[in-house]
C-alpha atoms as a PDB file:
ATOM      1  CA  MET A   1     -14.903 -27.523  -7.481  1.00  0.00           C
ATOM      2  CA  GLU A   2     -13.162 -30.048  -4.975  1.00  0.00           C
ATOM      3  CA  LEU A   3     -12.754 -28.756  -1.497  1.00  0.00           C
ATOM      4  CA  ARG A   4      -9.322 -28.785   0.198  1.00  0.00           C
ATOM      5  CA  ARG A   5      -7.561 -27.900   3.378  1.00  0.00           C
ATOM      6  CA  GLY A   6      -7.315 -24.043   3.769  1.00  0.00           C
ATOM      7  CA  GLN A   7     -10.139 -23.261   1.313  1.00  0.00           C
ATOM      8  CA  VAL A   8     -12.708 -20.629   2.275  1.00  0.00           C
ATOM      9  CA  ALA A   9     -16.347 -21.686   1.583  1.00  0.00           C
ATOM     10  CA  ARG A  10     -19.513 -19.660   2.273  1.00  0.00           C
ATOM     11  CA  SER A  11     -22.208 -21.530   4.181  1.00  0.00           C
ATOM     12  CA  ARG A  12     -25.322 -21.856   2.162  1.00  0.00           C
ATOM     13  CA  ALA A  13     -27.428 -23.495   4.867  1.00  0.00           C
ATOM     14  CA  GLY A  14     -27.920 -23.735   8.423  1.00  0.00           C
ATOM     15  CA  ARG A  15     -27.784 -21.243  11.413  1.00  0.00           C
ATOM     16  CA  ASP A  16     -24.378 -20.194  10.021  1.00  0.00           C
ATOM     17  CA  ARG A  17     -25.795 -19.569   6.386  1.00  0.00           C
ATOM     18  CA  GLY A  18     -23.957 -16.715   4.615  1.00  0.00           C
ATOM     19  CA  THR A  19     -20.738 -16.784   7.073  1.00  0.00           C
ATOM     20  CA  PHE A  20     -17.284 -17.437   5.595  1.00  0.00           C
ATOM     21  CA  LEU A  21     -15.629 -20.772   7.052  1.00  0.00           C
ATOM     22  CA  ALA A  22     -12.294 -22.300   6.437  1.00  0.00           C
ATOM     23  CA  VAL A  23     -12.303 -25.990   5.522  1.00  0.00           C
ATOM     24  CA  LEU A  24      -9.983 -28.022   7.805  1.00  0.00           C
ATOM     25  CA  GLU A  25     -10.829 -31.528   6.446  1.00  0.00           C
ATOM     26  CA  CYS A  26     -12.737 -32.902   3.768  1.00  0.00           C
ATOM     27  CA  ARG A  27     -14.082 -36.443   3.443  1.00  0.00           C
ATOM     28  CA  PRO A  28     -17.097 -36.592   1.027  1.00  0.00           C
ATOM     29  CA  PRO A  29     -19.858 -36.075   1.871  1.00  0.00           C
ATOM     30  CA  TRP A  30     -18.564 -34.094   4.815  1.00  0.00           C
ATOM     31  CA  ALA A  31     -16.174 -31.385   5.481  1.00  0.00           C
ATOM     32  CA  LEU A  32     -14.799 -30.085   8.897  1.00  0.00           C
ATOM     33  CA  VAL A  33     -15.078 -26.280   9.001  1.00  0.00           C
ATOM     34  CA  ALA A  34     -14.187 -23.707  11.510  1.00  0.00           C
ATOM     35  CA  ASP A  35     -14.304 -19.936  11.639  1.00  0.00           C
ATOM     36  CA  GLY A  36     -12.087 -19.316  14.764  1.00  0.00           C
ATOM     37  CA  ARG A  37     -15.243 -17.575  16.863  1.00  0.00           C
ATOM     38  CA  ARG A  38     -18.272 -19.492  16.864  1.00  0.00           C
ATOM     39  CA  ARG A  39     -16.726 -22.455  15.639  1.00  0.00           C
ATOM     40  CA  PRO A  40     -12.923 -22.696  16.944  1.00  0.00           C
ATOM     41  CA  LEU A  41     -10.460 -24.831  15.783  1.00  0.00           C
ATOM     42  CA  GLU A  42     -10.595 -27.049  18.719  1.00  0.00           C
ATOM     43  CA  ARG A  43     -14.335 -27.711  17.899  1.00  0.00           C
ATOM     44  CA  PRO A  44     -14.913 -27.820  14.300  1.00  0.00           C
ATOM     45  CA  LYS A  45     -18.211 -28.089  12.621  1.00  0.00           C
ATOM     46  CA  ARG A  46     -19.149 -31.149  10.513  1.00  0.00           C
ATOM     47  CA  LYS A  47     -21.151 -29.816   7.429  1.00  0.00           C
ATOM     48  CA  ARG A  48     -22.401 -31.610   4.327  1.00  0.00           C
ATOM     49  CA  LEU A  49     -20.837 -30.617   1.025  1.00  0.00           C
ATOM     50  CA  ILE A  50     -23.708 -29.683  -0.512  1.00  0.00           C
ATOM     51  CA  HIS A  51     -24.274 -27.042   2.035  1.00  0.00           C
ATOM     52  CA  LEU A  52     -20.924 -25.014   1.133  1.00  0.00           C
ATOM     53  CA  ALA A  53     -20.344 -22.638  -1.597  1.00  0.00           C
ATOM     54  CA  PRO A  54     -16.430 -22.796  -2.278  1.00  0.00           C
ATOM     55  CA  THR A  55     -14.628 -19.863  -3.329  1.00  0.00           C
ATOM     56  CA  ALA A  56     -11.395 -19.414  -5.296  1.00  0.00           C
ATOM     57  CA  ARG A  57      -9.530 -18.253  -2.088  1.00  0.00           C
ATOM     58  CA  VAL A  58      -7.153 -20.776  -0.361  1.00  0.00           C
ATOM     59  CA  LEU A  59      -5.782 -19.666   3.341  1.00  0.00           C
ATOM     60  CA  PRO A  60      -2.262 -20.214   3.969  1.00  0.00           C
ATOM     61  CA  GLU A  61      -1.258 -23.150   6.444  1.00  0.00           C
ATOM     62  CA  GLU A  62      -0.310 -20.601   9.013  1.00  0.00           C
ATOM     63  CA  ALA A  63      -3.897 -19.011   9.256  1.00  0.00           C
ATOM     64  CA  LEU A  64      -5.127 -22.483  10.396  1.00  0.00           C
ATOM     65  CA  LEU A  65      -2.817 -22.691  13.506  1.00  0.00           C
ATOM     66  CA  ALA A  66      -4.710 -20.218  16.022  1.00  0.00           C
ATOM     67  CA  ASN A  67      -8.287 -18.810  16.162  1.00  0.00           C
ATOM     68  CA  GLY A  68      -7.192 -15.319  16.073  1.00  0.00           C
ATOM     69  CA  ARG A  69      -5.168 -15.771  12.905  1.00  0.00           C
ATOM     70  CA  LEU A  70      -8.195 -17.717  11.377  1.00  0.00           C
ATOM     71  CA  ARG A  71     -10.552 -14.967  12.019  1.00  0.00           C
ATOM     72  CA  ALA A  72      -8.417 -12.124  10.600  1.00  0.00           C
ATOM     73  CA  ALA A  73      -7.776 -14.366   7.379  1.00  0.00           C
ATOM     74  CA  LEU A  74     -11.544 -15.062   7.082  1.00  0.00           C
ATOM     75  CA  GLY A  75     -12.173 -11.251   7.561  1.00  0.00           C
ATOM     76  CA  ARG A  76      -9.812 -10.231   4.770  1.00  0.00           C
ATOM     77  CA  ALA A  77     -11.434 -13.279   2.574  1.00  0.00           C
ATOM     78  CA  ALA A  78     -14.955 -12.022   3.131  1.00  0.00           C
ATOM     79  CA  GLY A  79     -13.906  -8.290   2.495  1.00  0.00           C
ATOM     80  CA  GLU A  80     -12.547  -9.420  -0.780  1.00  0.00           C
ATOM     81  CA  GLU A  81     -15.607 -11.134  -1.753  1.00  0.00           C
ATOM     82  CA  ALA A  82     -17.809  -8.202  -0.884  1.00  0.00           C
ATOM     83  CA  ARG A  83     -16.210  -5.602  -2.852  1.00  0.00           C
ATOM     84  CA  PRO A  84     -17.739  -4.894  -6.186  1.00  0.00           C
ATOM     85  CA  GLU A  85     -15.781  -5.510  -9.575  1.00  0.00           C
ATOM     86  CA  SER A  86     -14.723  -2.545 -11.307  1.00  0.00           C
ATOM     87  CA  GLY A  87     -16.650  -1.816 -14.778  1.00  0.00           C
ATOM     88  CA  PRO A  88     -19.433  -0.115 -16.033  1.00  0.00           C
ATOM     89  CA  GLU A  89     -21.821  -2.121 -14.071  1.00  0.00           C
ATOM     90  CA  SER A  90     -20.319  -0.886 -10.764  1.00  0.00           C
ATOM     91  CA  THR A  91     -20.713   2.752 -11.675  1.00  0.00           C
ATOM     92  CA  LYS A  92     -24.501   2.718 -12.320  1.00  0.00           C
ATOM     93  CA  LEU A  93     -26.692   4.060  -9.542  1.00  0.00           C
END
């Protein structure tokens, strides 16, 4: 899957492993990512593409304008990723 601006990706390696990040810019083999807290928009992280697991979620451009908006949008995206899918497997204990 090709990364694009606003796409949510999960970090697969590094100190931020497991966290959700927003892609600000993608220039293979690197992407600039931010989360609005540890990596604010003013100081994005340069991360290799192989260390990012893209999700299907793409944030609106308005979410990329301020750190607070970015944190809120990533929180919603992370919550949606953590929800179990409905079906017979999710009802088993």
